Amino acid sequence: MRVAHVITRLIVGGAQENTIATVLGLRSKPGCEVCLISGPSPGAEGSLERDVRAARLDLRIVPELVRPVHPIKDVIAYRKVFRLFQELKPDIVHTHSGKAGVLGRLAAARANIPIIVHTIHGPSFGTWQGALANTAFAAAERRAGRVTTHFVCVADAMTEQYLRAGIGSPARFSTIRSGFDLVPYLQTQNKPELRAQLGIAPDDIVVGKIARLFKLKGYDDLLDVAPALIRSEPRLKFLFVGDGAWRARLEKRVKELGLSGRVCFAGLVPPAEVARYIGIMDMLAHLSRREGLPRALPQALAAAKPVIACDVDGAREVCVNNQTGFLIQPGDRIRLTRAILELAANPELRHQFGATGQALVREQFPMGKMVAEIYELYLRLASERLRA
């Protein structure tokens, strides 16, 4: 069984980590040959391309496969991906992310690839973007959806959104959680030396956030309430893990709000180091306005840390309100303030939510479980095709 995975870029992010873990895991399955096709990965978000090459994975880079809409590059990327499919002759093409998902599936259909799978890590359309862009991306997803054999969703919410948009049919969707190596998170500790390195005192209460420093990630929501939070609970500090195009903008806001010394920018942290930083957090506030199922939420819960999340997409499937954390509506700063202060004041509640969340993640998010479910899906789709 030859499988070609296609993704737009290999930046440091949940969809990329999911894809790489899947590809590497599939290599150990009987009769499975896997390659990965990606566009370039420049920018402050960091790149995982070196990790892929170190693992000696068959990686093909298509320079024109870029995230922004670019008619000329998009046509060239489509043609190059099509030619790669002709060369590689995969039995299955499995695409990820918006641009690669559309171009990759259309190119696979033209190349007569028998099975085309697409993972929906997050929605390509929704109210978070303008009406024109929303209409265009929804139309592109419908077109690519017509040639898709099966959809894999990281959250049930993605299935519901795509079916409401008229894409696919229920039988063509499966939810497979975005698994990861749980061990570093289960074993992480609150290291005093790492706290000291970041200017965090032993008795400070740390509100963590792990995300690209970019729009729709909810950083402004947290900074808006930070001054009032600190007046109510002077021990609070904020730890931002990640980098991106908004770093200078957010650093400027921190200074303007008088929060210097209260907000720590850890910068870009390699995926293997994320667990260490979660270990010194007392809670995680993930306020993104658009994500399929934010990877930071199960990562924090695996470390037995309570979470706060906006009720969008699949967040509620792991941030179970009043069980593993607090679920709030986007932009509800009053509820956000109350949630943080309640967790800050109640260590027993933090422990209770964290323990419940850890049990949920142990059951649903092991990396081996994800790889096994994807491999079993491939075998089922191949068997169905033979019987057809």
Foldseek 3Di string as FASTA:
>chain_A
DEEEEEEAFAFPFLQNVLVLLLQVVQVPDPPYAYAYEYEYHDFQSHGCVVVSVVSVGHYHYQPLSHDDDDPVSLVVSLVVLLVVCVVRVGLEYEYEDQSCLLSVLVSCVVNVNPAYEYEDFWDQADPVDDPVSRVVSLVSQQVSLVSHQAYEYQFVLVVVVCVVSVRDDPVRYDYAHSFDALVLLLPAAQDQVVCVVQLQHPPAAEAEEEDELDPQFCPVLCLVCVVVLCVVPVSYAYEYEGYGDCPVVSVVSCVVSVNVSRYTYPGYDPPVCVSNVLNNHQEYEGEGPITQAHPVQLSNLLNLFAYEYEPDHRPCVLNPDQQQAHYHHRPPSVVVSVRVVVSSVDVVSRNRNSVRSSVVCVPRHHSSSSSVVVVVVVVVSVVVVVVD
